[in-house]
Protein backbone atom coordinates (compact mmCIF):
# COMPACT_ATOMS: atom_id res chain seq x y z
CA MET A 1 70.77 -3.04 -50.16
CA GLY A 2 71.70 -2.38 -46.56
CA SER A 3 74.16 0.43 -46.10
CA LYS A 4 74.33 1.07 -49.85
CA TYR A 5 70.83 2.52 -49.86
CA SER A 6 69.60 5.32 -47.65
CA SER A 7 66.12 5.17 -46.16
CA ALA A 8 65.01 7.88 -48.53
CA TRP A 9 66.32 5.95 -51.53
CA LYS A 10 64.46 2.81 -50.52
CA ALA A 11 61.30 4.79 -49.97
CA LEU A 12 61.64 6.33 -53.42
CA VAL A 13 62.22 2.99 -55.14
CA CYS A 14 59.34 1.42 -53.27
CA ALA A 15 57.00 4.27 -54.16
CA GLY A 16 58.05 4.01 -57.79
CA MET A 17 57.36 0.30 -57.85
CA LEU A 18 54.00 0.83 -56.20
CA ALA A 19 53.12 3.43 -58.80
CA TRP A 20 54.15 1.22 -61.71
CA THR A 21 53.23 -2.28 -60.56
CA GLY A 22 51.15 -2.06 -57.41
CA ILE A 23 53.59 -4.47 -55.66
CA ALA A 24 54.18 -3.85 -51.97
CA CYS A 25 57.75 -3.18 -50.82
CA SER A 26 59.45 -3.69 -47.50
CA ASN A 27 61.83 -1.29 -45.82
CA ASN A 28 64.05 -2.84 -43.19
CA ASP A 29 65.99 0.26 -42.16
CA PRO A 30 65.44 1.03 -38.45
CA GLY A 31 63.46 4.18 -37.83
CA SER A 32 62.04 4.49 -41.33
CA THR A 33 58.33 4.64 -42.13
CA PRO A 34 57.06 2.26 -44.82
CA PRO A 35 55.09 4.05 -47.55
CA GLY A 36 51.35 3.61 -47.36
CA GLU A 37 51.08 3.43 -43.57
CA ASP A 38 49.40 6.13 -41.47
CA MET A 39 51.95 8.67 -40.26
CA ALA A 40 51.72 10.24 -36.82
CA SER A 41 51.83 14.03 -36.67
CA GLY A 42 53.89 15.99 -34.15
CA GLY A 43 50.88 16.17 -31.84
CA GLY A 44 50.45 12.41 -31.82
CA GLU A 45 47.26 12.48 -33.91
CA ASP A 46 46.70 10.21 -36.87
CA MET A 47 47.03 12.13 -40.11
CA THR A 48 45.27 10.63 -43.11
CA THR A 49 45.61 12.61 -46.31
CA THR A 50 43.54 12.11 -49.43
CA PRO A 51 43.62 14.07 -52.68
CA GLU A 52 39.96 14.97 -52.23
CA ASP A 53 40.19 16.41 -48.74
CA MET A 54 43.47 17.86 -47.43
CA THR A 55 43.25 20.03 -44.31
CA GLU A 56 45.53 23.05 -43.93
CA GLY A 57 44.90 25.65 -41.27
CA GLY A 58 41.40 24.32 -40.75
CA GLU A 59 40.29 24.94 -44.32
CA ASP A 60 39.49 22.31 -46.87
CA MET A 61 41.89 22.32 -49.78
CA THR A 62 41.12 20.54 -53.01
CA VAL A 63 44.10 19.23 -54.91
CA THR A 64 43.90 19.57 -58.68
CA PRO A 65 46.13 18.13 -61.41
CA ASP A 66 47.56 21.63 -61.98
CA MET A 67 49.05 21.54 -58.49
CA THR A 68 51.24 18.49 -59.22
CA ALA A 69 54.69 18.59 -60.76
CA PRO A 70 54.85 19.19 -64.53
CA GLU A 71 55.33 16.05 -66.60
CA ASP A 72 58.58 17.28 -68.15
CA MET A 73 60.16 18.31 -64.88
CA THR A 74 63.53 16.62 -64.28
CA VAL A 75 64.37 15.99 -60.66
CA THR A 76 68.03 15.73 -59.64
CA PRO A 77 69.61 14.56 -56.37
CA ASP A 78 70.59 18.14 -55.50
CA MET A 79 66.92 19.14 -55.43
CA VAL A 80 66.20 16.81 -52.52
CA ALA A 81 69.07 17.81 -50.25
CA GLY A 82 67.68 18.40 -46.79
CA MET A 83 64.23 16.95 -47.50
CA ASP A 84 62.70 14.92 -44.70
CA MET A 85 60.72 11.74 -45.24
CA GLU A 86 57.34 13.47 -44.95
CA THR A 87 58.24 15.84 -47.78
CA ILE A 88 59.49 12.99 -49.96
CA GLU A 89 56.49 10.77 -49.36
CA ASP A 90 54.09 13.61 -50.22
CA MET A 91 55.71 14.01 -53.65
CA PRO A 92 53.92 12.60 -56.72
CA ALA A 93 54.96 9.05 -57.61
CA ASP A 94 56.25 9.99 -61.06
CA MET A 95 58.55 12.59 -59.56
CA MET A 96 59.90 10.07 -57.09
CA VAL A 97 60.66 7.59 -59.87
CA ASP A 98 62.52 10.28 -61.83
CA MET A 99 64.43 11.20 -58.71
CA ALA A 100 65.44 7.61 -58.05
CA ILE A 101 66.74 7.15 -61.58
CA ALA A 102 68.58 10.48 -61.53
CA ASP A 103 70.17 9.62 -58.21
CA MET A 104 71.70 6.40 -59.50
CA ALA A 105 72.32 7.30 -63.15
CA PRO A 106 75.87 8.66 -62.72
CA ASP A 107 77.05 5.38 -61.19
CA MET A 108 75.17 2.68 -63.06
CA PRO A 109 75.21 1.27 -66.61
CA GLU A 110 72.37 2.45 -68.82
CA GLU A 111 71.04 -1.05 -69.48
CA MET A 112 70.25 -1.62 -65.80
CA ASP A 113 66.84 -0.95 -64.34
CA MET A 114 67.59 -0.18 -60.71
CA LEU A 115 63.97 -0.57 -59.70
CA MET A 116 64.32 -4.30 -60.32
CA TYR A 117 66.79 -4.73 -57.45
CA PRO A 118 65.22 -6.18 -54.31
CA ASP A 119 66.24 -5.26 -50.79
CA ALA A 120 68.61 -8.27 -50.72
CA GLU A 121 70.21 -9.47 -47.51
CA MET A 122 73.81 -8.36 -47.11
CA PHE A 123 76.68 -10.77 -46.53
CA ALA A 124 77.62 -10.41 -42.87
CA CYS A 125 81.36 -9.90 -43.39
CA ALA A 126 81.52 -8.44 -46.90
CA TYR A 127 85.04 -7.16 -47.68
CA PRO A 128 86.23 -4.67 -46.55
CA SER A 129 84.82 -5.06 -43.07
CA SER A 130 85.65 -3.15 -39.89
CA ASP A 131 83.95 -5.76 -37.72
CA PRO A 132 86.66 -7.40 -35.58
CA MET A 133 84.64 -10.62 -35.66
CA CYS A 134 85.00 -10.83 -39.46
CA PRO A 135 87.95 -12.33 -41.36
CA MET A 136 90.67 -9.79 -42.09
CA GLY A 137 93.11 -9.63 -44.99
CA GLU A 138 94.62 -7.41 -47.66
CA PHE A 139 92.45 -8.78 -50.46
CA GLY A 140 88.77 -9.32 -51.07
CA PRO A 141 87.19 -12.57 -52.25
CA GLY A 142 88.91 -14.08 -55.26
CA ALA A 143 88.31 -16.27 -58.29
CA TYR A 144 90.85 -18.22 -60.34
CA ILE A 145 90.36 -18.83 -64.06
CA THR A 146 90.83 -22.55 -64.63
CA SER A 147 89.95 -22.52 -68.33
CA PHE A 148 90.30 -19.75 -70.91
CA GLU A 149 89.56 -20.51 -74.55
CA ILE A 150 89.69 -18.08 -77.45
CA VAL A 151 86.53 -18.68 -79.47
CA ASN A 152 87.37 -19.64 -83.07
CA ASP A 153 84.12 -18.51 -84.67
CA ASN A 154 81.53 -15.72 -84.38
CA THR A 155 79.25 -17.41 -81.84
CA CYS A 156 80.70 -15.31 -79.01
CA CYS A 157 80.94 -12.86 -77.32
CA ARG A 158 79.77 -9.33 -78.19
CA ASP A 159 78.00 -7.21 -80.76
CA PHE A 160 80.44 -4.31 -80.87
CA ASP A 161 78.70 -2.24 -83.54
CA ASP A 162 75.06 -3.03 -82.68
CA ASP A 163 74.38 -4.61 -86.07
CA GLY A 164 72.73 -7.67 -84.54
CA MET A 165 75.78 -9.91 -85.12
CA LEU A 166 78.60 -10.98 -82.81
CA GLU A 167 82.13 -9.96 -83.77
CA ASN A 168 85.30 -11.92 -83.00
CA PHE A 169 87.81 -11.19 -85.76
CA ILE A 170 90.91 -12.36 -83.89
CA GLY A 171 89.42 -15.71 -82.94
CA SER A 172 87.60 -16.44 -86.21
CA GLN A 173 90.12 -15.02 -88.70
CA ILE A 174 93.60 -14.15 -87.46
CA LEU A 175 94.15 -16.99 -85.00
CA PRO A 176 93.18 -19.92 -87.28
CA SER A 177 95.43 -18.61 -90.06
CA ALA A 178 98.37 -18.07 -87.71
CA GLU A 179 97.89 -21.52 -86.20
CA MET A 180 97.75 -23.16 -89.62
CA LEU A 181 100.97 -21.46 -90.74
CA SER A 182 102.85 -22.01 -87.49
CA GLY A 183 101.52 -25.43 -86.54
CA VAL A 184 100.90 -24.10 -83.04
CA SER A 185 97.56 -24.58 -81.25
CA VAL A 186 97.18 -21.50 -79.10
CA ASN A 187 94.21 -22.80 -77.11
CA ALA A 188 95.96 -26.09 -76.40
CA ASN A 189 99.08 -24.23 -75.28
CA LEU A 190 96.96 -21.86 -73.21
CA ALA A 191 95.22 -24.75 -71.46
CA GLN A 192 98.58 -26.36 -70.70
CA SER A 193 100.01 -23.05 -69.49
CA ILE A 194 97.10 -22.62 -67.07
CA GLN A 195 97.43 -26.21 -65.88
CA ASP A 196 101.17 -25.70 -65.26
CA GLY A 197 100.61 -22.45 -63.36
CA GLU A 198 102.50 -20.35 -65.91
CA THR A 199 99.42 -18.37 -66.91
CA VAL A 200 97.36 -17.21 -63.92
CA PHE A 201 94.36 -14.90 -64.23
CA LEU A 202 92.73 -13.92 -60.93
CA PHE A 203 89.70 -11.84 -60.00
CA GLU A 204 89.56 -9.75 -56.85
CA PHE A 205 86.25 -8.28 -55.66
CA GLU A 206 85.46 -5.54 -53.18
CA ASP A 207 82.22 -4.13 -51.74
CA TRP A 208 80.26 -7.17 -52.91
CA GLN A 209 77.44 -7.57 -50.43
CA ASN A 210 75.06 -10.13 -51.97
CA ASP A 211 76.24 -12.73 -54.45
CA GLN A 212 73.05 -12.61 -56.52
CA TYR A 213 72.07 -8.93 -56.27
CA ASP A 214 74.48 -6.03 -56.00
CA PRO A 215 74.45 -2.98 -58.30
CA MET A 216 77.92 -1.70 -57.37
CA ILE A 217 80.91 -4.03 -57.08
CA VAL A 218 84.62 -3.31 -57.47
CA THR A 219 86.32 -5.81 -59.81
CA ARG A 220 90.03 -6.17 -60.51
CA MET A 221 91.96 -8.73 -62.53
CA LEU A 222 95.36 -9.75 -61.18
CA THR A 223 98.11 -12.27 -61.75
CA GLY A 224 99.81 -14.45 -59.15
CA THR A 225 101.64 -17.60 -58.13
CA ASP A 226 100.41 -20.67 -56.29
CA THR A 227 101.20 -20.62 -52.57
CA ASP A 228 102.18 -24.29 -52.23
CA GLY A 229 103.39 -25.39 -55.67
CA ASP A 230 100.48 -27.81 -56.10
CA LEU A 231 97.69 -26.58 -58.38
CA LEU A 232 95.34 -29.50 -57.79
CA ASP A 233 93.67 -27.82 -54.80
CA ASN A 234 93.54 -24.52 -56.70
CA GLN A 235 91.77 -26.11 -59.65
CA ALA A 236 89.29 -27.68 -57.24
CA GLY A 237 88.47 -24.26 -55.80
CA MET A 238 90.20 -24.85 -52.46
CA GLY A 239 93.62 -23.27 -53.01
CA SER A 240 95.29 -19.90 -52.65
CA PHE A 241 97.55 -17.59 -54.65
CA PHE A 242 100.11 -14.95 -53.83
CA VAL A 243 99.18 -11.81 -55.77
CA SER A 244 102.03 -10.72 -58.04
CA PRO A 245 103.43 -7.16 -57.85
CA ASP A 246 103.17 -7.23 -61.66
CA SER A 247 99.42 -6.73 -61.19
CA TYR A 248 100.07 -3.07 -60.31
CA ASP A 249 101.70 -0.04 -61.88
CA ASP A 250 104.54 2.02 -60.39
CA GLN A 251 102.05 3.96 -58.24
CA GLY A 252 100.57 0.77 -56.81
CA ASP A 253 97.31 1.02 -58.76
CA PRO A 254 95.90 -2.17 -60.33
CA LEU A 255 96.61 -2.45 -64.04
CA THR A 256 93.15 -3.91 -64.65
CA GLN A 257 90.20 -2.48 -62.75
CA PHE A 258 86.75 -2.24 -64.29
CA MET A 259 84.86 1.04 -64.38
CA THR A 260 81.60 -0.68 -63.40
CA SER A 261 80.58 -4.16 -62.30
CA TYR A 262 77.38 -5.58 -60.85
CA VAL A 263 75.32 -8.72 -60.42
CA HIS A 264 71.57 -9.07 -60.99
CA MET A 265 69.70 -12.34 -60.47
CA GLY A 266 73.08 -14.09 -60.46
CA ASP A 267 74.16 -12.59 -63.78
CA TYR A 268 77.51 -10.88 -63.28
CA ALA A 269 78.82 -8.16 -65.59
CA ALA A 270 81.95 -5.98 -65.60
CA ARG A 271 82.58 -3.16 -68.04
CA GLY A 272 85.45 -0.93 -69.10
CA ALA A 273 89.04 -2.05 -68.46
CA ARG A 274 92.35 -2.80 -70.17
CA LEU A 275 93.65 -6.36 -69.96
CA ARG A 276 96.83 -7.99 -71.22
CA ILE A 277 96.32 -11.40 -72.83
CA TYR A 278 98.77 -14.05 -74.01
CA PHE A 279 99.09 -16.38 -76.98
CA PRO A 280 101.40 -19.09 -75.58
CA GLY A 281 103.64 -20.68 -78.18
CA LEU A 282 102.75 -18.06 -80.77
CA LEU A 283 104.76 -14.87 -80.34
CA ASP A 284 104.81 -15.21 -76.56
CA ALA A 285 106.78 -12.00 -76.20
CA VAL A 286 104.10 -9.88 -77.88
CA ASN A 287 102.18 -7.57 -75.56
CA LEU A 288 98.52 -7.94 -76.53
CA THR A 289 96.39 -5.54 -74.52
CA LEU A 290 92.62 -5.49 -74.94
CA THR A 291 90.72 -2.25 -74.40
CA ASP A 292 87.09 -1.72 -73.39
CA VAL A 293 86.95 -5.21 -71.92
CA HIS A 294 83.50 -6.60 -71.08
CA ILE A 295 82.87 -9.66 -68.93
CA ASN A 296 79.64 -11.60 -68.47
CA ALA A 297 79.23 -14.68 -66.30
CA LYS A 298 76.89 -16.44 -63.90
CA VAL A 299 77.63 -16.49 -60.18
CA THR A 300 77.20 -19.76 -58.34
CA PRO A 301 75.11 -19.06 -55.19
CA GLY A 302 76.80 -19.35 -51.81
CA ALA A 303 79.89 -17.23 -52.47
CA ASP A 304 82.08 -16.27 -49.50
CA LEU A 305 82.38 -12.49 -49.86
CA ALA A 306 84.71 -11.89 -46.91
CA ALA A 307 88.46 -11.30 -47.00
CA GLY A 308 90.01 -14.63 -47.94
CA GLY A 309 86.73 -15.82 -49.43
CA GLY A 310 86.01 -16.91 -52.97
CA VAL A 311 83.50 -16.71 -55.83
CA GLU A 312 82.71 -19.22 -58.57
CA LEU A 313 81.96 -17.84 -62.04
CA ILE A 314 80.56 -20.14 -64.73
CA GLN A 315 79.67 -19.66 -68.41
CA GLY A 316 82.02 -16.70 -68.52
CA GLU A 317 82.52 -14.60 -71.63
CA LEU A 318 85.25 -11.98 -72.12
CA SER A 319 85.38 -9.55 -75.02
CA GLY A 320 87.45 -6.54 -75.96
CA ALA A 321 89.12 -4.61 -78.75
CA LEU A 322 92.77 -5.04 -79.74
CA LEU A 323 94.06 -1.74 -81.09
CA ARG A 324 95.79 -2.26 -84.44
CA ASP A 325 98.59 0.23 -83.69
CA GLU A 326 99.35 -1.33 -80.30
CA PHE A 327 99.36 -4.80 -81.86
CA PHE A 328 101.83 -3.97 -84.63
CA ASP A 329 103.96 -1.80 -82.33
CA SER A 330 104.35 -4.80 -80.04
CA LEU A 331 105.34 -6.99 -82.99
CA ASN A 332 108.00 -4.46 -83.93
CA LEU A 333 109.31 -4.47 -80.38
CA VAL A 334 109.90 -8.20 -80.74
CA SER A 335 111.57 -7.84 -84.15
CA ASN A 336 113.90 -5.16 -82.79
CA LYS A 337 114.98 -7.45 -79.93
CA CYS A 338 115.89 -10.24 -82.36
CA ALA A 339 119.52 -9.91 -83.46
CA CYS A 340 118.62 -11.51 -86.78
CA LEU A 341 116.17 -8.67 -87.52
CA ALA A 342 116.99 -5.67 -85.29
CA ARG A 343 114.49 -3.39 -87.05
CA ASP A 344 110.81 -2.66 -87.56
CA ILE A 345 109.40 -5.20 -89.99
CA TYR A 346 105.86 -3.74 -90.05
CA ILE A 347 105.70 -0.30 -91.66
CA LYS A 348 102.63 1.87 -91.09
CA GLN A 349 100.93 3.33 -94.16
CA ALA A 350 98.99 6.56 -94.58
CA ASN A 351 95.67 4.68 -94.45
CA GLY A 352 96.54 3.14 -91.07
CA SER A 353 97.35 -0.35 -92.36
CA TYR A 354 100.81 -1.97 -92.25
CA THR A 355 103.10 -3.54 -94.84
CA CYS A 356 105.59 -6.34 -94.21
CA ASP A 357 109.26 -5.48 -94.71
CA LEU A 358 110.48 -9.05 -95.22
CA ALA A 359 111.45 -10.17 -98.70
CA MET A 360 112.27 -13.68 -97.50
CA ASP A 361 112.38 -15.77 -94.34
CA GLU A 362 114.84 -14.50 -91.77
CA CYS A 363 115.94 -15.87 -88.36
CA THR A 364 115.41 -19.45 -89.55
CA THR A 365 118.24 -20.74 -87.34
CA ASP A 366 117.67 -18.48 -84.36
CA PRO A 367 117.34 -20.43 -81.08
CA ASP A 368 114.48 -18.17 -79.98
CA SER A 369 111.17 -19.48 -81.36
CA ALA A 370 109.62 -15.99 -81.14
CA CYS A 371 112.31 -14.67 -83.47
CA ARG A 372 111.92 -17.59 -85.86
CA LEU A 373 108.16 -16.97 -86.10
CA THR A 374 108.56 -13.20 -86.34
CA GLY A 375 111.03 -13.62 -89.19
CA ARG A 376 108.76 -15.81 -91.30
CA ARG A 377 107.67 -14.10 -94.50
CA ASP A 378 104.35 -15.98 -94.79
CA ILE A 379 103.22 -14.99 -91.27
CA CYS A 380 104.42 -11.42 -91.76
CA PHE A 381 102.62 -11.09 -95.10
CA GLY A 382 99.45 -12.64 -93.67
CA LEU A 383 99.37 -10.07 -90.87
CA GLU A 384 99.92 -7.34 -93.45
CA LEU A 385 96.71 -8.45 -95.19
CA TYR A 386 94.80 -8.61 -91.91
CA SER A 387 95.96 -5.12 -90.94
CA LYS A 388 93.61 -3.78 -93.62
CA ARG A 389 90.62 -5.60 -92.13
CA VAL A 390 90.13 -4.01 -88.70
CA ASP A 391 86.46 -4.37 -87.78
CA ILE A 392 85.97 -2.13 -84.71
CA ASP A 393 85.86 1.65 -84.26
CA SER A 394 87.10 1.81 -80.68
CA ASP A 395 87.08 5.59 -80.23
CA GLY A 396 83.90 6.49 -82.13
CA ASP A 397 85.61 8.74 -84.68
CA GLY A 398 84.09 6.88 -87.64
CA THR A 399 87.29 5.02 -88.55
CA ARG A 400 87.87 1.36 -87.72
CA ASP A 401 91.05 0.95 -85.71
CA SER A 402 90.81 -2.33 -83.76
CA PHE A 403 90.23 -6.08 -84.00
CA SER A 404 87.37 -7.69 -82.04
CA PHE A 405 88.21 -10.47 -79.59
CA GLY A 406 86.10 -13.01 -77.71
CA ALA A 407 86.88 -15.82 -75.25
CA ARG A 408 85.05 -18.12 -72.86
CA PHE A 409 86.23 -18.94 -69.35
CA GLU A 410 85.40 -20.67 -66.07
CA ALA A 411 86.64 -19.56 -62.65
CA VAL A 412 86.64 -21.26 -59.24
CA PRO A 413 86.87 -19.72 -55.76
CA THR A 414 90.35 -18.95 -54.49
CA GLU A 415 92.00 -17.19 -51.57
CA LEU A 416 94.19 -14.20 -52.44
CA ARG A 417 97.22 -13.53 -50.26
CA ALA A 418 99.99 -10.95 -50.10
CA LEU A 419 103.52 -12.10 -50.82
CA PRO A 420 105.41 -12.88 -47.61
CA SER A 421 107.71 -10.08 -46.46
CA SER A 422 111.42 -10.64 -47.07
CA PRO A 423 113.32 -11.46 -43.82
């Protein structure tokens, strides 16, 4: 794709596709020679080479199978440093395919087949752009999540342990029980919080050069505030947000940036990030951070990929693992801040689970709803039981240590802006 692929890379991919499928490829890079065409030698003569009759020094040379690369030979990018196009194009097709895969493997997810990416047209002003004729700004194209719903069953969103079944323990088990005991509808509160502008989830993209095909995109998730106090235009995909400084750590790095993200045939995916989520109305003060977050969505064609542009994501799914220790540590932080408790109420056991240290309801008259809920014996005891039922092994050590989580979302285009400088 444009500047992301060198001429040699495109030639390799094309040759690999020719070898496997017989489909012709195009190479639009200036100065490159499409595979399969006659190449001119230094003396200006046509040079046609066949396996049966290669000429070297005036003598006929027959090429035999023994003269080709061994089948088990692995070709790495370092082996082709300094090769010119003639050398590359004379290599066997299988070797070129191996080389193409090896070249991209360090940067791309295993499930992707790079040879399926076409030479897609690049967006003229993809962010960041140095073209003075292109829009300028501090942020790339954005998207604003207008709906975010925690799934309350196991129909979404990820098979964490590759057993052929989707896991969503928080949504299907913990959340319904907590809602029943508390009388609080988290999804209803979450919808209202988004509508009121209290909960704002934003995407920022960088180096996105074709909205339907791009193997390497930078994706961040940010928070922000509406620029004009009226969310109607934002929800219609025509608004803008100031990006909050809370989106970054003390060094100025984004708190949520995915290790890899890409789009193929309009299917967008992002992998590997930490993301804080919220349960409005139900222990609002608890810090719930998902690890190993995965996102899948479909990209509506026609995205504006320039600075100030926007992207629409539909049929979005977000999944991740909530570490048990982080979850109960955050609950204890809340209990310690409540004057009516002022202690840890969840005590870790040798097997990794937690017990509830409440013999009766406490904080029943506290004005803070988070303290009242935290001090309820039934909720505390219910979470004690669930602490024994972690369903995900997040670090691969053979011991389950996390709860699975799944949610669905929709996002509309939005413009991301920097906060105005103080006078």
